[in-house]
């Protein structure tokens, strides 16, 4: 989808964002685990539910298969 010269940059940015998100999520989860297990459960559920619109939008943008 990208020109050949920009593919490495796109992959690098993707994995940098992925790693940063993983780091932040792990830090928040660890802090919540030390303070309140119910808060950790609520955080985990909120993050997972907030990803649903992204999956729904991605599903709608796929071309129909024959």
Protein backbone atom coordinates (compact mmCIF):
# COMPACT_ATOMS: atom_id res chain seq x y z
CA UNK A 1 0.00 0.00 0.00
CA UNK A 2 2.96 2.32 0.55
CA UNK A 3 5.69 3.27 -1.88
CA UNK A 4 8.73 1.05 -1.57
CA UNK A 5 10.87 3.72 0.10
CA UNK A 6 8.40 4.29 2.95
CA UNK A 7 7.64 0.74 4.02
CA UNK A 8 10.49 0.49 6.51
CA UNK A 9 9.49 3.78 8.13
CA UNK A 10 5.86 2.63 8.41
CA UNK A 11 6.88 -0.65 10.03
CA UNK A 12 9.22 1.14 12.41
CA UNK A 13 6.54 3.62 13.45
CA UNK A 14 4.02 0.84 13.91
CA UNK A 15 6.29 -1.21 16.15
CA UNK A 16 7.41 1.89 18.09
CA UNK A 17 3.77 2.68 18.84
CA UNK A 18 3.08 -0.95 19.68
CA UNK A 19 6.01 -1.08 22.07
CA UNK A 20 5.11 2.23 23.71
CA UNK A 21 1.53 1.06 24.20
CA UNK A 22 2.73 -2.21 25.68
CA UNK A 23 5.03 -0.35 28.07
CA UNK A 24 2.33 2.08 29.23
CA UNK A 25 -0.24 -0.70 29.63
CA UNK A 26 2.17 -2.82 31.64
CA UNK A 27 3.13 0.09 33.90
CA UNK A 28 -0.50 1.04 34.56
CA UNK A 29 -1.45 -2.59 35.16
CA UNK A 30 1.41 -3.06 37.62
CA UNK A 31 0.54 0.11 39.53
CA UNK A 32 -3.14 -0.83 39.68
CA UNK A 33 -2.26 -4.38 40.78
CA UNK A 34 -0.41 -2.97 43.79
CA UNK A 35 -3.28 -0.66 44.79
CA UNK A 36 -6.58 -2.25 43.78
CA UNK A 37 -7.42 -5.49 41.98
CA UNK A 38 -10.97 -4.30 41.10
CA UNK A 39 -9.44 -1.16 39.52
CA UNK A 40 -7.11 -3.38 37.50
CA UNK A 41 -10.05 -5.45 36.30
CA UNK A 42 -11.99 -2.30 35.40
CA UNK A 43 -9.00 -0.86 33.52
CA UNK A 44 -8.50 -4.09 31.58
CA UNK A 45 -12.17 -4.27 30.63
CA UNK A 46 -12.28 -0.59 29.62
CA UNK A 47 -9.22 -0.91 27.38
CA UNK A 48 -10.53 -4.05 25.71
CA UNK A 49 -14.00 -2.58 25.16
CA UNK A 50 -12.49 0.61 23.74
CA UNK A 51 -10.83 -1.46 21.01
CA UNK A 52 -14.16 -2.78 19.68
CA UNK A 53 -14.97 0.30 17.54
CA UNK A 54 -11.60 -0.07 15.82
CA UNK A 55 -12.36 -3.67 14.90
CA UNK A 56 -15.86 -2.76 13.72
CA UNK A 57 -14.51 0.04 11.49
CA UNK A 58 -11.81 -2.22 10.09
CA UNK A 59 -14.39 -4.90 9.31
CA UNK A 60 -16.57 -2.41 7.41
CA UNK A 61 -13.68 -1.23 5.24
CA UNK A 62 -12.84 -4.71 3.94
CA UNK A 63 -13.98 -5.35 0.38
CA UNK A 64 -16.68 -7.95 -0.11
CA UNK A 65 -15.36 -11.39 -0.99
CA UNK A 66 -16.89 -13.32 -3.82
